[in-house]
N, C-alpha and C. Protein backbone atom coordinates (compact mmCIF):
# COMPACT_ATOMS: atom_id res chain seq x y z
N MET A 1 -245.41 4.30 -66.65
CA MET A 1 -244.69 4.64 -67.84
C MET A 1 -243.36 3.89 -67.90
N MET A 2 -242.60 3.92 -66.82
CA MET A 2 -241.33 3.20 -66.78
C MET A 2 -241.38 2.14 -65.68
N ASP A 3 -242.46 1.42 -65.59
CA ASP A 3 -242.62 0.41 -64.55
C ASP A 3 -241.59 -0.69 -64.72
N GLY A 4 -240.92 -0.98 -63.63
CA GLY A 4 -239.94 -2.05 -63.64
C GLY A 4 -238.62 -1.68 -64.28
N ASN A 5 -238.44 -0.47 -64.73
CA ASN A 5 -237.19 -0.06 -65.35
C ASN A 5 -236.36 0.68 -64.33
N MET A 6 -235.27 0.09 -63.92
CA MET A 6 -234.45 0.73 -62.89
C MET A 6 -233.64 1.90 -63.43
N PHE A 7 -233.59 2.07 -64.73
CA PHE A 7 -232.84 3.18 -65.32
C PHE A 7 -233.73 4.38 -65.62
N GLY A 8 -234.96 4.36 -65.17
CA GLY A 8 -235.90 5.42 -65.50
C GLY A 8 -235.53 6.78 -64.93
N TYR A 9 -234.87 6.80 -63.79
CA TYR A 9 -234.56 8.07 -63.14
C TYR A 9 -233.07 8.39 -63.14
N THR A 10 -232.28 7.67 -63.89
CA THR A 10 -230.84 7.91 -63.86
C THR A 10 -230.46 9.22 -64.52
N MET A 11 -231.29 9.77 -65.38
CA MET A 11 -230.95 11.04 -66.00
C MET A 11 -230.93 12.18 -64.98
N TRP A 12 -231.54 11.98 -63.83
CA TRP A 12 -231.55 13.00 -62.79
C TRP A 12 -230.39 12.85 -61.83
N ALA A 13 -229.62 11.78 -61.95
CA ALA A 13 -228.56 11.51 -60.99
C ALA A 13 -227.50 12.62 -60.98
N GLY A 14 -227.10 13.09 -62.13
CA GLY A 14 -226.06 14.11 -62.18
C GLY A 14 -226.58 15.51 -62.39
N HIS A 15 -227.88 15.67 -62.33
CA HIS A 15 -228.48 16.98 -62.58
C HIS A 15 -227.97 18.03 -61.60
N GLY A 16 -227.91 17.69 -60.34
CA GLY A 16 -227.42 18.63 -59.33
C GLY A 16 -225.96 18.99 -59.53
N LEU A 17 -225.18 18.01 -59.96
CA LEU A 17 -223.75 18.28 -60.19
C LEU A 17 -223.55 19.21 -61.37
N TRP A 18 -224.34 19.03 -62.44
CA TRP A 18 -224.25 19.93 -63.59
C TRP A 18 -224.68 21.33 -63.21
N LEU A 19 -225.71 21.43 -62.40
CA LEU A 19 -226.18 22.74 -61.95
C LEU A 19 -225.12 23.44 -61.11
N LEU A 20 -224.48 22.69 -60.23
CA LEU A 20 -223.41 23.25 -59.41
C LEU A 20 -222.22 23.68 -60.26
N ALA A 21 -221.85 22.85 -61.23
CA ALA A 21 -220.73 23.20 -62.11
C ALA A 21 -221.05 24.46 -62.91
N PHE A 22 -222.26 24.56 -63.43
CA PHE A 22 -222.65 25.75 -64.18
C PHE A 22 -222.62 26.99 -63.30
N ALA A 23 -223.11 26.85 -62.07
CA ALA A 23 -223.11 27.99 -61.14
C ALA A 23 -221.68 28.45 -60.85
N ILE A 24 -220.77 27.51 -60.68
CA ILE A 24 -219.38 27.88 -60.40
C ILE A 24 -218.76 28.56 -61.62
N VAL A 25 -219.03 28.04 -62.80
CA VAL A 25 -218.45 28.61 -64.03
C VAL A 25 -218.96 30.03 -64.26
N VAL A 26 -220.18 30.32 -63.85
CA VAL A 26 -220.75 31.66 -64.08
C VAL A 26 -220.42 32.61 -62.94
N VAL A 27 -220.52 32.17 -61.71
CA VAL A 27 -220.38 33.07 -60.56
C VAL A 27 -218.94 33.54 -60.37
N ILE A 28 -217.97 32.69 -60.58
CA ILE A 28 -216.57 33.07 -60.31
C ILE A 28 -216.12 34.24 -61.18
N PRO A 29 -216.35 34.24 -62.50
CA PRO A 29 -215.93 35.41 -63.28
C PRO A 29 -216.70 36.69 -62.91
N VAL A 30 -217.97 36.56 -62.62
CA VAL A 30 -218.75 37.74 -62.23
C VAL A 30 -218.27 38.26 -60.89
N TRP A 31 -217.88 37.35 -59.98
CA TRP A 31 -217.33 37.75 -58.69
C TRP A 31 -216.08 38.59 -58.89
N ARG A 32 -215.20 38.14 -59.80
CA ARG A 32 -213.98 38.88 -60.07
C ARG A 32 -214.27 40.25 -60.69
N ILE A 33 -215.24 40.30 -61.58
CA ILE A 33 -215.61 41.58 -62.21
C ILE A 33 -216.13 42.54 -61.14
N CYS A 34 -216.97 42.05 -60.26
CA CYS A 34 -217.51 42.91 -59.19
C CYS A 34 -216.39 43.43 -58.29
N GLN A 35 -215.45 42.58 -57.95
CA GLN A 35 -214.35 43.02 -57.10
C GLN A 35 -213.46 44.04 -57.81
N ARG A 36 -213.20 43.83 -59.08
CA ARG A 36 -212.33 44.76 -59.82
C ARG A 36 -212.98 46.11 -60.03
N THR A 37 -214.31 46.14 -60.08
CA THR A 37 -215.00 47.41 -60.24
C THR A 37 -215.23 48.10 -58.91
N GLY A 38 -214.92 47.43 -57.80
CA GLY A 38 -215.05 48.04 -56.48
C GLY A 38 -216.30 47.68 -55.73
N PHE A 39 -217.13 46.81 -56.30
CA PHE A 39 -218.34 46.37 -55.62
C PHE A 39 -218.04 45.09 -54.85
N PRO A 40 -218.84 44.79 -53.82
CA PRO A 40 -218.60 43.54 -53.08
C PRO A 40 -218.84 42.33 -53.98
N GLY A 41 -218.02 41.32 -53.82
CA GLY A 41 -218.11 40.14 -54.67
C GLY A 41 -219.37 39.33 -54.47
N TRP A 42 -219.95 39.39 -53.28
CA TRP A 42 -221.12 38.57 -52.99
C TRP A 42 -222.33 38.94 -53.85
N ILE A 43 -222.35 40.12 -54.45
CA ILE A 43 -223.51 40.45 -55.29
C ILE A 43 -223.50 39.66 -56.59
N SER A 44 -222.40 38.96 -56.88
CA SER A 44 -222.36 38.13 -58.07
C SER A 44 -223.30 36.94 -57.97
N ILE A 45 -223.73 36.60 -56.78
CA ILE A 45 -224.67 35.48 -56.62
C ILE A 45 -226.02 35.84 -57.24
N LEU A 46 -226.29 37.11 -57.41
CA LEU A 46 -227.54 37.53 -58.06
C LEU A 46 -227.62 37.09 -59.51
N VAL A 47 -226.47 36.75 -60.10
CA VAL A 47 -226.47 36.32 -61.49
C VAL A 47 -227.20 34.97 -61.66
N LEU A 48 -227.41 34.24 -60.59
CA LEU A 48 -228.09 32.96 -60.66
C LEU A 48 -229.61 33.09 -60.63
N ILE A 49 -230.11 34.27 -60.32
CA ILE A 49 -231.56 34.49 -60.21
C ILE A 49 -232.05 35.18 -61.48
N PRO A 50 -233.01 34.56 -62.16
CA PRO A 50 -233.51 35.17 -63.40
C PRO A 50 -234.04 36.58 -63.15
N LEU A 51 -233.84 37.44 -64.09
CA LEU A 51 -234.18 38.86 -64.11
C LEU A 51 -233.29 39.69 -63.19
N LEU A 52 -232.88 39.16 -62.06
CA LEU A 52 -231.92 39.89 -61.23
C LEU A 52 -230.54 39.88 -61.89
N ASN A 53 -230.26 38.85 -62.69
CA ASN A 53 -228.99 38.85 -63.39
C ASN A 53 -228.92 39.99 -64.41
N LEU A 54 -230.03 40.30 -65.05
CA LEU A 54 -230.05 41.45 -65.96
C LEU A 54 -229.93 42.76 -65.20
N ALA A 55 -230.59 42.84 -64.05
CA ALA A 55 -230.48 44.04 -63.22
C ALA A 55 -229.04 44.24 -62.77
N LEU A 56 -228.36 43.17 -62.40
CA LEU A 56 -226.95 43.27 -62.00
C LEU A 56 -226.09 43.74 -63.16
N LEU A 57 -226.35 43.21 -64.33
CA LEU A 57 -225.59 43.62 -65.51
C LEU A 57 -225.74 45.11 -65.78
N TYR A 58 -226.95 45.62 -65.75
CA TYR A 58 -227.17 47.04 -65.97
C TYR A 58 -226.61 47.88 -64.84
N PHE A 59 -226.69 47.37 -63.60
CA PHE A 59 -226.14 48.10 -62.47
C PHE A 59 -224.63 48.28 -62.63
N ILE A 60 -223.94 47.20 -62.97
CA ILE A 60 -222.49 47.29 -63.14
C ILE A 60 -222.13 48.16 -64.33
N ALA A 61 -222.92 48.09 -65.39
CA ALA A 61 -222.60 48.85 -66.60
C ALA A 61 -222.78 50.36 -66.42
N PHE A 62 -223.79 50.77 -65.68
CA PHE A 62 -224.12 52.19 -65.63
C PHE A 62 -223.87 52.88 -64.29
N ALA A 63 -223.46 52.14 -63.28
CA ALA A 63 -223.18 52.75 -61.97
C ALA A 63 -221.80 53.39 -61.98
N ASP A 64 -221.61 54.34 -61.09
CA ASP A 64 -220.27 54.89 -60.87
C ASP A 64 -219.48 53.88 -60.06
N TRP A 65 -218.37 53.43 -60.59
CA TRP A 65 -217.59 52.40 -59.94
C TRP A 65 -216.80 52.98 -58.78
N PRO A 66 -216.88 52.35 -57.61
CA PRO A 66 -216.09 52.83 -56.47
C PRO A 66 -214.59 52.75 -56.72
N SER A 67 -214.15 51.86 -57.59
CA SER A 67 -212.71 51.73 -57.85
C SER A 67 -212.18 52.83 -58.75
N ASN A 68 -213.07 53.63 -59.32
CA ASN A 68 -212.65 54.73 -60.17
C ASN A 68 -212.12 55.85 -59.29
N THR A 69 -210.81 55.85 -59.07
CA THR A 69 -210.21 56.78 -58.11
C THR A 69 -210.17 58.21 -58.62
N ALA A 70 -210.22 58.40 -59.93
CA ALA A 70 -210.16 59.76 -60.47
C ALA A 70 -211.46 60.51 -60.24
N GLY A 71 -212.56 59.77 -60.06
CA GLY A 71 -213.83 60.41 -59.79
C GLY A 71 -214.56 60.87 -61.03
N SER A 72 -213.95 60.69 -62.18
CA SER A 72 -214.60 61.10 -63.42
C SER A 72 -215.28 59.91 -64.06
N SER A 73 -216.39 60.15 -64.72
CA SER A 73 -217.09 59.06 -65.40
C SER A 73 -216.57 58.92 -66.81
N ASP A 74 -216.79 57.75 -67.40
CA ASP A 74 -216.29 57.47 -68.76
C ASP A 74 -217.39 57.74 -69.78
N GLU A 75 -218.10 58.79 -69.66
CA GLU A 75 -219.21 59.08 -70.57
C GLU A 75 -218.73 59.73 -71.83
């Protein structure tokens, strides 16, 4: 298909860098949100895995936050 064309695979050259940049842009804010709500920051890495990112979102939204010192829920 691209015989003899040395530019045939150049579109993949920066693919890993874009993926890394996207991961950093997404994981860092979620890490901060997890820390502010009292959960460990490392669970923000789950946002990179399809379907687990939705599970993490619902977990953070509906769980009792450890940082809630008053002990009352916001229901």
